[in-house]
Amino acid sequence: MVVSALPKFEFPRQELKYVAVELDDMEDEDGNPIIEYEFQTELTDEEKNIVATYMIVEWIGQQLASVENTRMKYSGSDFKFTSQANHMQKLLQMKKDYEREGFHLQRLYKRRLKDENGIYRSTFGNIMSVQPRGGTGEWNKWL
């Protein structure tokens, strides 16, 4: 879910790079090693929340695909009788709600920064000013 959720996070302040880590002495039922993924940088609470929200969106999308497959197996009246249509409608609404929430969280994330005391401050004053950026990439010459 993380892989498909990360592109929805439009402008993170840091690279959201993750690596696969094989858990020691742990295997699944087929004898394959269990692999976890972890971020290489420490994410802020806001960043975690945004990524988690979009992971939910992706999970609901998979559930909708599953319900859609069920719908194709039944005729129209049979599908309605099993109440799968109602379930699908609720999943669609829930997905829209989480997408809206993720969009809202990203707007808050872009409009504020935590100062050295842990207090959120507006970034409104920085809209027209150029802030120094680290790194040597192409983008820095435009900032």
Protein backbone atom coordinates (compact mmCIF):
# COMPACT_ATOMS: atom_id res chain seq x y z
CA MET A 1 0.00 0.00 0.00
CA VAL A 2 2.85 2.39 0.77
CA VAL A 3 4.21 2.10 -2.77
CA SER A 4 0.94 3.26 -4.32
CA ALA A 5 0.20 5.83 -1.59
CA LEU A 6 3.46 7.81 -1.78
CA PRO A 7 2.86 9.39 -5.21
CA LYS A 8 -0.32 10.96 -3.82
CA PHE A 9 1.81 12.96 -1.36
CA GLU A 10 2.48 15.88 -3.68
CA PHE A 11 5.30 17.93 -2.14
CA PRO A 12 6.89 16.34 0.93
CA ARG A 13 9.62 18.41 2.58
CA GLN A 14 11.96 15.44 2.63
CA GLU A 15 12.56 12.41 0.46
CA LEU A 16 10.15 9.61 1.32
CA LYS A 17 12.56 6.85 0.40
CA TYR A 18 12.08 3.44 1.95
CA VAL A 19 14.06 0.22 1.96
CA ALA A 20 13.18 -3.46 2.34
CA VAL A 21 14.39 -5.07 5.55
CA GLU A 22 14.38 -8.84 6.01
CA LEU A 23 13.26 -9.83 9.49
CA ASP A 24 15.68 -12.17 11.24
CA ASP A 25 14.56 -15.77 11.70
CA MET A 26 11.01 -15.06 10.52
CA GLU A 27 9.36 -16.89 7.63
CA ASP A 28 5.86 -17.09 6.23
CA GLU A 29 3.92 -20.34 5.88
CA ASP A 30 5.72 -21.11 2.59
CA GLY A 31 9.17 -20.74 4.16
CA ASN A 32 9.91 -17.37 2.52
CA PRO A 33 11.59 -14.70 4.63
CA ILE A 34 9.27 -11.97 5.91
CA ILE A 35 10.18 -8.56 4.57
CA GLU A 36 9.20 -5.21 6.07
CA TYR A 37 9.65 -1.79 4.56
CA GLU A 38 10.92 1.16 6.52
CA PHE A 39 11.62 4.78 5.69
CA GLN A 40 15.24 5.88 5.59
CA THR A 41 14.37 9.24 7.15
CA GLU A 42 12.34 9.94 10.27
CA LEU A 43 8.89 11.15 9.19
CA THR A 44 7.07 13.83 11.11
CA ASP A 45 3.66 13.05 12.60
CA GLU A 46 2.05 15.12 9.84
CA GLU A 47 3.88 13.18 7.12
CA LYS A 48 2.92 9.85 8.71
CA ASN A 49 -0.71 10.94 8.87
CA ILE A 50 -0.77 11.99 5.21
CA VAL A 51 0.85 8.73 4.05
CA ALA A 52 -1.49 6.66 6.27
CA THR A 53 -4.55 8.47 4.88
CA TYR A 54 -3.53 7.69 1.31
CA MET A 55 -2.75 4.09 2.26
CA ILE A 56 -6.38 3.81 3.38
CA VAL A 57 -7.48 5.27 0.02
CA GLU A 58 -5.45 2.61 -1.77
CA TRP A 59 -6.82 -0.17 0.45
CA ILE A 60 -10.40 0.93 -0.22
CA GLY A 61 -9.58 0.99 -3.94
CA GLN A 62 -8.55 -2.65 -3.71
CA GLN A 63 -11.77 -3.49 -1.86
CA LEU A 64 -13.77 -1.76 -4.59
CA ALA A 65 -11.98 -3.78 -7.24
CA SER A 66 -12.87 -6.94 -5.33
CA VAL A 67 -16.54 -5.94 -5.06
CA GLU A 68 -16.53 -5.07 -8.77
CA ASN A 69 -15.29 -8.59 -9.52
CA THR A 70 -18.15 -9.96 -7.42
CA ARG A 71 -20.64 -7.79 -9.32
CA MET A 72 -19.48 -9.25 -12.62
CA LYS A 73 -20.28 -12.76 -11.38
CA TYR A 74 -23.94 -11.94 -10.68
CA SER A 75 -26.72 -10.53 -12.80
CA GLY A 76 -28.08 -7.08 -11.86
CA SER A 77 -30.89 -8.27 -9.59
CA ASP A 78 -28.73 -10.93 -7.90
CA PHE A 79 -26.05 -8.33 -7.18
CA LYS A 80 -28.59 -6.02 -5.52
CA PHE A 81 -30.08 -8.91 -3.56
CA THR A 82 -26.70 -9.73 -1.96
CA SER A 83 -26.42 -6.04 -0.90
CA GLN A 84 -23.03 -5.85 -2.58
CA ALA A 85 -24.23 -2.76 -4.47
CA ASN A 86 -24.92 -0.96 -1.18
CA HIS A 87 -21.53 -2.05 0.15
CA MET A 88 -19.83 -0.77 -3.00
CA GLN A 89 -21.59 2.59 -2.74
CA LYS A 90 -20.46 3.00 0.86
CA LEU A 91 -16.88 2.12 -0.09
CA LEU A 92 -16.94 4.70 -2.88
CA GLN A 93 -18.15 7.38 -0.47
CA MET A 94 -15.55 6.39 2.12
CA LYS A 95 -12.78 6.55 -0.50
CA LYS A 96 -13.89 10.05 -1.54
CA ASP A 97 -13.94 11.14 2.11
CA TYR A 98 -10.39 9.89 2.72
CA GLU A 99 -9.14 11.49 -0.51
CA ARG A 100 -10.65 14.79 0.63
CA GLU A 101 -9.04 14.33 4.07
CA GLY A 102 -5.63 13.64 2.50
CA PHE A 103 -5.97 16.72 0.32
CA HIS A 104 -6.84 18.83 3.38
CA LEU A 105 -3.92 17.41 5.41
CA GLN A 106 -1.50 18.26 2.59
CA ARG A 107 -2.75 21.84 2.44
CA LEU A 108 -2.20 22.23 6.19
CA TYR A 109 1.25 20.63 5.84
CA LYS A 110 2.23 23.16 3.17
CA ARG A 111 0.85 26.17 5.03
CA ARG A 112 2.64 25.70 8.32
CA LEU A 113 5.98 24.68 9.81
CA LYS A 114 6.99 23.75 13.32
CA ASP A 115 9.44 26.17 14.91
CA GLU A 116 12.28 25.22 17.25
CA ASN A 117 9.85 25.24 20.19
CA GLY A 118 7.48 22.80 18.50
CA ILE A 119 4.86 25.46 17.79
CA TYR A 120 3.25 25.55 14.35
CA ARG A 121 3.80 28.79 12.47
CA SER A 122 2.19 29.97 9.24
CA THR A 123 4.30 29.93 6.08
CA PHE A 124 2.23 32.77 4.60
CA GLY A 125 5.08 35.27 4.96
CA ASN A 126 7.33 33.03 2.86
CA ILE A 127 5.11 33.04 -0.22
CA MET A 128 6.92 35.89 -1.94
CA SER A 129 10.38 35.42 -0.45
CA VAL A 130 13.12 33.07 -1.59
CA GLN A 131 14.20 30.61 1.07
CA PRO A 132 17.70 29.11 0.95
CA ARG A 133 17.59 25.40 0.21
CA GLY A 134 20.20 22.73 0.74
CA GLY A 135 21.48 20.44 -1.99
CA THR A 136 22.86 21.04 -5.43
CA GLY A 137 20.02 19.90 -7.69
CA GLU A 138 18.63 21.68 -10.73
CA TRP A 139 15.62 22.90 -8.76
CA ASN A 140 17.76 24.98 -6.40
CA LYS A 141 18.66 27.49 -9.10
CA TRP A 142 14.95 28.30 -9.44
CA LEU A 143 14.37 28.79 -5.73
